[in-house]
Protein backbone atom coordinates (compact mmCIF):
# COMPACT_ATOMS: atom_id res chain seq x y z
CA MET A 1 12.25 5.15 -11.50
CA ALA A 2 10.97 2.97 -9.55
CA LYS A 3 6.78 3.38 -8.48
CA THR A 4 5.11 1.53 -5.83
CA LEU A 5 1.01 2.07 -4.77
CA GLU A 6 1.03 2.07 -1.33
CA LEU A 7 -2.26 0.98 0.46
CA LEU A 8 -2.70 2.34 3.57
CA PHE A 9 -4.68 0.47 6.12
CA LEU A 10 -5.58 0.71 10.30
CA THR A 11 -5.05 -2.26 12.20
CA GLU A 12 -7.40 -3.61 15.51
CA GLY A 13 -4.88 -2.30 17.59
CA GLY A 14 -4.80 1.54 16.18
CA LYS A 15 -1.84 0.67 14.40
CA SER A 16 -1.08 2.00 10.90
CA ALA A 17 -0.17 -1.01 8.04
CA THR A 18 1.07 -1.02 4.18
CA LEU A 19 0.63 -3.18 1.97
CA SER A 20 3.07 -2.25 -1.65
CA VAL A 21 2.45 -2.81 -5.45
CA ALA A 22 4.72 -3.02 -7.54
CA ASP A 23 4.18 -0.59 -11.08
CA PRO A 24 0.77 0.79 -10.65
CA ILE A 25 -0.80 1.69 -13.44
CA GLU A 26 -1.36 5.33 -14.09
CA PRO A 27 -3.56 7.46 -13.67
CA VAL A 28 -4.67 5.37 -10.27
CA ASP A 29 -8.31 4.50 -10.27
CA VAL A 30 -9.23 5.76 -6.80
CA GLU A 31 -12.26 3.78 -7.23
CA LYS A 32 -10.92 0.64 -8.33
CA VAL A 33 -8.09 1.04 -5.42
CA LYS A 34 -11.09 1.27 -2.71
CA THR A 35 -13.11 -1.38 -3.57
CA ALA A 36 -9.55 -3.71 -3.68
CA MET A 37 -8.48 -2.52 0.02
CA ASP A 38 -12.36 -3.23 1.16
CA ALA A 39 -12.05 -6.62 -0.39
CA VAL A 40 -8.44 -7.12 1.44
CA ILE A 41 -10.06 -5.74 4.59
CA ALA A 42 -13.02 -8.24 3.72
CA SER A 43 -10.52 -11.51 3.48
CA ASN A 44 -9.26 -10.85 6.78
CA VAL A 45 -6.01 -12.71 5.04
CA PHE A 46 -3.55 -10.43 6.20
CA THR A 47 -2.81 -9.65 9.88
CA THR A 48 0.05 -7.84 11.72
CA ALA A 49 1.34 -7.74 15.47
CA SER A 50 -1.37 -4.95 15.51
CA GLY A 51 -4.06 -7.33 14.65
CA LEU A 52 -6.13 -7.42 10.94
CA PHE A 53 -7.11 -4.91 8.73
CA ILE A 54 -10.08 -3.13 9.83
CA SER A 55 -10.55 0.07 7.65
CA ALA A 56 -8.99 1.77 4.90
CA LYS A 57 -6.30 4.59 6.05
CA GLY A 58 -5.48 5.84 2.38
CA ALA A 59 -3.09 5.01 -0.89
CA ARG A 60 -0.40 7.21 -2.53
CA VAL A 61 1.90 6.75 -5.70
CA VAL A 62 5.83 6.44 -4.46
CA GLU A 63 8.36 7.13 -6.89
CA ARG A 64 11.85 6.14 -6.25
CA ASN A 65 14.82 7.70 -7.81
CA VAL A 66 18.37 6.19 -7.30
CA SER A 67 21.76 7.68 -9.16
CA GLU A 68 24.78 5.40 -8.76
CA TYR A 69 28.44 6.60 -9.02
CA GLU A 70 31.36 4.24 -9.61
CA VAL A 71 34.17 4.58 -7.05
CA ASN A 72 36.46 2.26 -8.45
């Protein structure tokens, strides 16, 4: 199972943008995530077609399961 922490931001154009972090430490420390998201917003490092990140919208851990089958 692969887990990813998705950081959800709102952009200047009113759209959503997501940054993904592989293999997050669990349980997720919400205060540390919020602090990190605030630092990303303040740095103005990331931009999208709809502008810079302006606020934190949320965070979530996504779990992905893959089942492979031999068909030969």
